[in-house]
Amino acid sequence: GTAWESEKLRVGWMWICQAMDFPYVDHIIPKPFAADCIREWIKSREGYSVPFPFLCQELSKVLTAYEVPHETCVHIEDTPYVVDIVLTDGVQKRCIAILSEFARNSDEPIGSAAIQVRHMMVGS
């Protein structure tokens, strides 16, 4: 096999990041490569939904108890992302994303979580 085959998820995130950050660059990749990367991404998220559905449901119950208007498992338009919770009260776009990838001794997201947070902030 080739080197990328052992890091399909990481390579897939790099490709998505490149495609979003540099839309003017031609992104032609072999179909089997793209399919494998997308398959790994879907498996890592346990399907097309949020990666932590049980936490999302618990947080939704709390928000409902406090009568905070919100939606769960919302696809973000023009991105490959599904956000855990979107707060629907007001004009400003606000969301809650439950993450598991953080820098050691910090609350800064790393890896694919950092890419996702950055892309969602740019799009807002």
N, C-alpha and C. Protein backbone atom coordinates (compact mmCIF):
# COMPACT_ATOMS: atom_id res chain seq x y z
N GLY A 1 0.81 -1.19 0.00
CA GLY A 1 0.00 0.00 0.00
C GLY A 1 0.86 1.25 0.00
N THR A 2 0.22 2.36 -0.17
CA THR A 2 0.92 3.64 -0.16
C THR A 2 0.83 4.26 1.23
N ALA A 3 1.62 5.31 1.45
CA ALA A 3 1.70 5.94 2.77
C ALA A 3 0.37 6.54 3.20
N TRP A 4 -0.40 7.10 2.28
CA TRP A 4 -1.65 7.75 2.67
C TRP A 4 -2.69 6.76 3.18
N GLU A 5 -2.57 5.49 2.79
CA GLU A 5 -3.57 4.50 3.19
C GLU A 5 -3.61 4.27 4.70
N SER A 6 -2.51 4.51 5.38
CA SER A 6 -2.51 4.36 6.84
C SER A 6 -3.05 5.60 7.55
N GLU A 7 -3.22 6.69 6.82
CA GLU A 7 -3.70 7.96 7.40
C GLU A 7 -4.86 8.52 6.58
N LYS A 8 -5.82 7.69 6.21
CA LYS A 8 -6.91 8.13 5.33
C LYS A 8 -7.70 9.29 5.91
N LEU A 9 -8.00 9.22 7.20
CA LEU A 9 -8.80 10.29 7.81
C LEU A 9 -8.03 11.61 7.81
N ARG A 10 -6.77 11.56 8.18
CA ARG A 10 -5.95 12.78 8.22
C ARG A 10 -5.77 13.38 6.82
N VAL A 11 -5.49 12.53 5.85
CA VAL A 11 -5.31 13.00 4.47
C VAL A 11 -6.63 13.57 3.94
N GLY A 12 -7.73 12.93 4.28
CA GLY A 12 -9.04 13.44 3.87
C GLY A 12 -9.32 14.82 4.45
N TRP A 13 -8.98 15.03 5.72
CA TRP A 13 -9.16 16.35 6.34
C TRP A 13 -8.27 17.39 5.66
N MET A 14 -7.05 17.01 5.31
CA MET A 14 -6.16 17.95 4.62
C MET A 14 -6.74 18.33 3.26
N TRP A 15 -7.32 17.36 2.56
CA TRP A 15 -7.92 17.63 1.25
C TRP A 15 -9.13 18.56 1.40
N ILE A 16 -10.01 18.29 2.38
CA ILE A 16 -11.17 19.16 2.62
C ILE A 16 -10.71 20.57 2.97
N CYS A 17 -9.71 20.68 3.83
CA CYS A 17 -9.19 22.00 4.22
C CYS A 17 -8.65 22.74 3.01
N GLN A 18 -7.88 22.06 2.17
CA GLN A 18 -7.34 22.69 0.96
C GLN A 18 -8.47 23.14 0.04
N ALA A 19 -9.47 22.30 -0.14
CA ALA A 19 -10.57 22.63 -1.04
C ALA A 19 -11.35 23.85 -0.54
N MET A 20 -11.50 23.98 0.78
CA MET A 20 -12.26 25.11 1.33
C MET A 20 -11.43 26.39 1.41
N ASP A 21 -10.14 26.24 1.74
CA ASP A 21 -9.29 27.43 1.88
C ASP A 21 -8.78 27.97 0.56
N PHE A 22 -8.64 27.10 -0.44
CA PHE A 22 -8.11 27.50 -1.74
C PHE A 22 -9.04 27.03 -2.85
N PRO A 23 -10.25 27.60 -2.95
CA PRO A 23 -11.22 27.12 -3.94
C PRO A 23 -10.78 27.30 -5.38
N TYR A 24 -9.83 28.19 -5.63
CA TYR A 24 -9.37 28.45 -6.98
C TYR A 24 -8.36 27.42 -7.47
N VAL A 25 -7.88 26.53 -6.59
CA VAL A 25 -6.92 25.50 -6.97
C VAL A 25 -7.70 24.27 -7.44
N ASP A 26 -7.24 23.66 -8.53
CA ASP A 26 -7.90 22.47 -9.06
C ASP A 26 -7.69 21.31 -8.09
N HIS A 27 -8.78 20.65 -7.68
CA HIS A 27 -8.70 19.58 -6.68
C HIS A 27 -9.04 18.23 -7.28
N ILE A 28 -8.33 17.84 -8.29
CA ILE A 28 -8.60 16.56 -8.93
C ILE A 28 -7.84 15.47 -8.17
N ILE A 29 -8.59 14.55 -7.59
CA ILE A 29 -7.97 13.41 -6.92
C ILE A 29 -8.66 12.15 -7.43
N PRO A 30 -7.95 11.03 -7.40
CA PRO A 30 -8.55 9.78 -7.88
C PRO A 30 -9.81 9.42 -7.08
N LYS A 31 -10.85 8.93 -7.77
CA LYS A 31 -12.11 8.59 -7.11
C LYS A 31 -11.93 7.57 -5.98
N PRO A 32 -11.11 6.51 -6.16
CA PRO A 32 -10.95 5.57 -5.04
C PRO A 32 -10.37 6.24 -3.80
N PHE A 33 -9.44 7.17 -3.99
CA PHE A 33 -8.84 7.91 -2.87
C PHE A 33 -9.90 8.73 -2.16
N ALA A 34 -10.69 9.49 -2.92
CA ALA A 34 -11.74 10.32 -2.32
C ALA A 34 -12.76 9.46 -1.60
N ALA A 35 -13.17 8.36 -2.21
CA ALA A 35 -14.16 7.47 -1.59
C ALA A 35 -13.65 6.89 -0.28
N ASP A 36 -12.38 6.47 -0.25
CA ASP A 36 -11.80 5.92 0.98
C ASP A 36 -11.74 6.96 2.08
N CYS A 37 -11.34 8.18 1.74
CA CYS A 37 -11.25 9.25 2.74
C CYS A 37 -12.63 9.60 3.28
N ILE A 38 -13.61 9.69 2.41
CA ILE A 38 -14.98 10.00 2.85
C ILE A 38 -15.53 8.87 3.72
N ARG A 39 -15.25 7.64 3.34
CA ARG A 39 -15.70 6.49 4.13
C ARG A 39 -15.11 6.54 5.54
N GLU A 40 -13.82 6.86 5.66
CA GLU A 40 -13.18 6.96 6.97
C GLU A 40 -13.79 8.09 7.79
N TRP A 41 -14.08 9.21 7.13
CA TRP A 41 -14.69 10.36 7.83
C TRP A 41 -16.07 9.98 8.36
N ILE A 42 -16.87 9.31 7.54
CA ILE A 42 -18.21 8.90 7.96
C ILE A 42 -18.12 7.92 9.13
N LYS A 43 -17.19 6.96 9.05
CA LYS A 43 -17.01 6.01 10.15
C LYS A 43 -16.59 6.71 11.43
N SER A 44 -15.73 7.73 11.32
CA SER A 44 -15.27 8.44 12.51
C SER A 44 -16.39 9.21 13.18
N ARG A 45 -17.39 9.61 12.40
CA ARG A 45 -18.52 10.37 12.94
C ARG A 45 -19.71 9.47 13.24
N GLU A 46 -19.52 8.16 13.09
CA GLU A 46 -20.59 7.19 13.31
C GLU A 46 -21.79 7.48 12.42
N GLY A 47 -21.54 7.75 11.15
CA GLY A 47 -22.59 8.07 10.19
C GLY A 47 -22.58 9.54 9.85
N TYR A 48 -23.63 10.00 9.24
CA TYR A 48 -23.70 11.40 8.83
C TYR A 48 -24.20 12.32 9.94
N SER A 49 -24.24 11.85 11.15
CA SER A 49 -24.77 12.67 12.23
C SER A 49 -23.64 13.25 13.07
N VAL A 50 -23.97 13.73 14.23
CA VAL A 50 -22.97 14.30 15.13
C VAL A 50 -22.18 13.17 15.78
N PRO A 51 -20.91 13.42 16.17
CA PRO A 51 -20.08 12.35 16.71
C PRO A 51 -20.46 11.90 18.13
N PHE A 52 -21.15 12.75 18.88
CA PHE A 52 -21.52 12.41 20.26
C PHE A 52 -23.02 12.60 20.45
N PRO A 53 -23.86 11.76 19.84
CA PRO A 53 -25.30 11.99 19.89
C PRO A 53 -25.88 11.96 21.30
N PHE A 54 -25.32 11.13 22.18
CA PHE A 54 -25.85 11.04 23.55
C PHE A 54 -25.60 12.34 24.31
N LEU A 55 -24.42 12.96 24.12
CA LEU A 55 -24.14 14.25 24.77
C LEU A 55 -25.02 15.35 24.19
N CYS A 56 -25.22 15.29 22.90
CA CYS A 56 -26.08 16.26 22.22
C CYS A 56 -27.50 16.18 22.77
N GLN A 57 -28.01 14.98 22.97
CA GLN A 57 -29.36 14.80 23.50
C GLN A 57 -29.46 15.31 24.93
N GLU A 58 -28.45 15.04 25.75
CA GLU A 58 -28.47 15.51 27.14
C GLU A 58 -28.44 17.03 27.20
N LEU A 59 -27.59 17.65 26.40
CA LEU A 59 -27.51 19.11 26.38
C LEU A 59 -28.82 19.71 25.86
N SER A 60 -29.43 19.07 24.89
CA SER A 60 -30.71 19.53 24.36
C SER A 60 -31.79 19.50 25.44
N LYS A 61 -31.78 18.46 26.27
CA LYS A 61 -32.75 18.38 27.37
C LYS A 61 -32.58 19.55 28.34
N VAL A 62 -31.34 19.89 28.65
CA VAL A 62 -31.07 21.01 29.55
C VAL A 62 -31.55 22.32 28.93
N LEU A 63 -31.22 22.54 27.66
CA LEU A 63 -31.65 23.76 26.97
C LEU A 63 -33.17 23.85 26.91
N THR A 64 -33.82 22.73 26.67
CA THR A 64 -35.29 22.70 26.64
C THR A 64 -35.86 23.04 28.01
N ALA A 65 -35.27 22.50 29.07
CA ALA A 65 -35.73 22.79 30.43
C ALA A 65 -35.63 24.27 30.75
N TYR A 66 -34.60 24.94 30.20
CA TYR A 66 -34.43 26.38 30.41
C TYR A 66 -35.11 27.21 29.33
N GLU A 67 -35.89 26.55 28.49
CA GLU A 67 -36.66 27.19 27.42
C GLU A 67 -35.78 28.00 26.46
N VAL A 68 -34.63 27.43 26.12
CA VAL A 68 -33.72 28.04 25.15
C VAL A 68 -34.03 27.45 23.78
N PRO A 69 -34.49 28.28 22.81
CA PRO A 69 -34.81 27.74 21.49
C PRO A 69 -33.54 27.22 20.78
N HIS A 70 -33.62 26.01 20.26
CA HIS A 70 -32.46 25.41 19.61
C HIS A 70 -32.90 24.30 18.67
N GLU A 71 -31.96 23.89 17.80
CA GLU A 71 -32.13 22.74 16.92
C GLU A 71 -30.92 21.84 17.11
N THR A 72 -31.11 20.55 16.93
CA THR A 72 -29.99 19.62 17.05
C THR A 72 -29.67 19.01 15.69
N CYS A 73 -28.41 18.59 15.54
CA CYS A 73 -27.94 17.88 14.34
C CYS A 73 -28.28 18.67 13.07
N VAL A 74 -27.70 19.86 12.95
CA VAL A 74 -28.01 20.77 11.85
C VAL A 74 -26.87 20.78 10.83
N HIS A 75 -27.20 20.51 9.57
CA HIS A 75 -26.20 20.58 8.50
C HIS A 75 -25.89 22.04 8.21
N ILE A 76 -24.61 22.38 8.16
CA ILE A 76 -24.18 23.74 7.87
C ILE A 76 -24.07 23.87 6.35
N GLU A 77 -24.84 24.77 5.79
CA GLU A 77 -24.91 24.95 4.34
C GLU A 77 -23.54 25.24 3.73
N ASP A 78 -23.27 24.65 2.59
CA ASP A 78 -22.03 24.82 1.82
C ASP A 78 -20.80 24.33 2.56
N THR A 79 -20.96 23.42 3.51
CA THR A 79 -19.83 22.80 4.20
C THR A 79 -20.11 21.30 4.34
N PRO A 80 -19.07 20.52 4.66
CA PRO A 80 -19.31 19.09 4.92
C PRO A 80 -19.68 18.82 6.37
N TYR A 81 -20.04 19.84 7.14
CA TYR A 81 -20.21 19.70 8.58
C TYR A 81 -21.66 19.61 9.02
N VAL A 82 -21.87 18.87 10.10
CA VAL A 82 -23.13 18.85 10.82
C VAL A 82 -22.79 19.32 12.23
N VAL A 83 -23.45 20.38 12.68
CA VAL A 83 -23.15 20.92 14.00
C VAL A 83 -24.11 20.31 15.02
N ASP A 84 -23.63 20.14 16.24
CA ASP A 84 -24.41 19.47 17.27
C ASP A 84 -25.68 20.23 17.62
N ILE A 85 -25.54 21.49 17.98
CA ILE A 85 -26.70 22.30 18.40
C ILE A 85 -26.57 23.71 17.84
N VAL A 86 -27.65 24.23 17.29
CA VAL A 86 -27.71 25.61 16.82
C VAL A 86 -28.72 26.34 17.69
N LEU A 87 -28.29 27.45 18.28
CA LEU A 87 -29.19 28.28 19.08
C LEU A 87 -29.95 29.17 18.12
N THR A 88 -31.26 29.07 18.11
CA THR A 88 -32.08 29.71 17.08
C THR A 88 -32.69 31.04 17.51
N ASP A 89 -32.43 31.49 18.71
CA ASP A 89 -32.99 32.75 19.18
C ASP A 89 -32.09 33.90 18.77
N GLY A 90 -32.61 34.87 18.03
CA GLY A 90 -31.82 36.02 17.61
C GLY A 90 -31.31 35.88 16.19
N VAL A 91 -30.67 36.95 15.72
CA VAL A 91 -30.20 37.01 14.35
C VAL A 91 -28.80 36.42 14.22
N GLN A 92 -27.97 36.59 15.23
CA GLN A 92 -26.58 36.13 15.19
C GLN A 92 -26.52 34.61 15.13
N LYS A 93 -25.61 34.10 14.29
CA LYS A 93 -25.42 32.65 14.18
C LYS A 93 -24.62 32.17 15.38
N ARG A 94 -25.17 31.22 16.11
CA ARG A 94 -24.47 30.64 17.26
C ARG A 94 -24.68 29.14 17.26
N CYS A 95 -23.62 28.42 17.58
CA CYS A 95 -23.76 26.97 17.63
C CYS A 95 -22.93 26.41 18.77
N ILE A 96 -23.25 25.20 19.13
CA ILE A 96 -22.48 24.46 20.13
C ILE A 96 -21.97 23.21 19.44
N ALA A 97 -20.66 23.06 19.42
CA ALA A 97 -20.04 21.87 18.83
C ALA A 97 -19.34 21.11 19.94
N ILE A 98 -19.70 19.86 20.14
CA ILE A 98 -19.08 19.03 21.17
C ILE A 98 -17.84 18.40 20.55
N LEU A 99 -16.67 18.70 21.12
CA LEU A 99 -15.39 18.25 20.56
C LEU A 99 -14.67 17.31 21.52
N SER A 100 -13.79 16.50 20.98
CA SER A 100 -12.98 15.61 21.82
C SER A 100 -11.48 15.78 21.57
N GLU A 101 -11.11 16.63 20.62
CA GLU A 101 -9.69 16.80 20.27
C GLU A 101 -9.20 18.15 20.78
N PHE A 102 -8.40 18.11 21.84
CA PHE A 102 -7.86 19.34 22.42
C PHE A 102 -6.37 19.21 22.65
N ALA A 103 -5.69 20.37 22.61
CA ALA A 103 -4.26 20.39 22.91
C ALA A 103 -4.07 20.03 24.38
N ARG A 104 -2.96 19.40 24.68
CA ARG A 104 -2.67 19.01 26.05
C ARG A 104 -2.61 20.26 26.94
N ASN A 105 -3.25 20.19 28.10
CA ASN A 105 -3.27 21.28 29.09
C ASN A 105 -3.84 22.57 28.53
N SER A 106 -4.81 22.46 27.64
CA SER A 106 -5.39 23.65 27.01
C SER A 106 -6.82 23.34 26.59
N ASP A 107 -7.57 24.39 26.29
CA ASP A 107 -8.91 24.17 25.75
C ASP A 107 -8.96 24.50 24.26
N GLU A 108 -7.80 24.59 23.63
CA GLU A 108 -7.72 24.88 22.20
C GLU A 108 -7.93 23.60 21.39
N PRO A 109 -8.86 23.60 20.43
CA PRO A 109 -9.06 22.41 19.60
C PRO A 109 -7.85 22.16 18.70
N ILE A 110 -7.62 20.89 18.38
CA ILE A 110 -6.52 20.52 17.49
C ILE A 110 -7.05 19.58 16.42
N GLY A 111 -6.22 19.30 15.43
CA GLY A 111 -6.56 18.33 14.40
C GLY A 111 -7.79 18.71 13.61
N SER A 112 -8.61 17.70 13.30
CA SER A 112 -9.80 17.94 12.50
C SER A 112 -10.79 18.86 13.21
N ALA A 113 -10.81 18.84 14.54
CA ALA A 113 -11.71 19.74 15.29
C ALA A 113 -11.31 21.19 15.07
N ALA A 114 -10.01 21.48 15.04
CA ALA A 114 -9.54 22.85 14.81
C ALA A 114 -9.90 23.31 13.40
N ILE A 115 -9.78 22.43 12.42
CA ILE A 115 -10.15 22.77 11.05
C ILE A 115 -11.64 23.09 10.97
N GLN A 116 -12.46 22.25 11.60
CA GLN A 116 -13.91 22.45 11.58
C GLN A 116 -14.29 23.77 12.25
N VAL A 117 -13.73 24.06 13.41
CA VAL A 117 -14.03 25.31 14.12
C VAL A 117 -13.62 26.50 13.28
N ARG A 118 -12.43 26.44 12.67
CA ARG A 118 -11.95 27.55 11.85
C ARG A 118 -12.87 27.79 10.65
N HIS A 119 -13.27 26.72 9.98
CA HIS A 119 -14.15 26.88 8.82
C HIS A 119 -15.51 27.43 9.21
N MET A 120 -16.04 27.00 10.35
CA MET A 120 -17.34 27.51 10.77
C MET A 120 -17.25 28.98 11.18
N MET A 121 -16.12 29.40 11.74
CA MET A 121 -15.96 30.81 12.13
C MET A 121 -15.81 31.69 10.89
N VAL A 122 -15.12 31.21 9.88
CA VAL A 122 -14.94 31.97 8.64
C VAL A 122 -16.27 32.14 7.92
N GLY A 123 -17.10 31.11 7.94
CA GLY A 123 -18.38 31.15 7.25
C GLY A 123 -19.44 31.97 7.96
N SER A 124 -19.19 32.36 9.20
CA SER A 124 -20.24 33.08 9.94
C SER A 124 -20.21 34.56 9.68
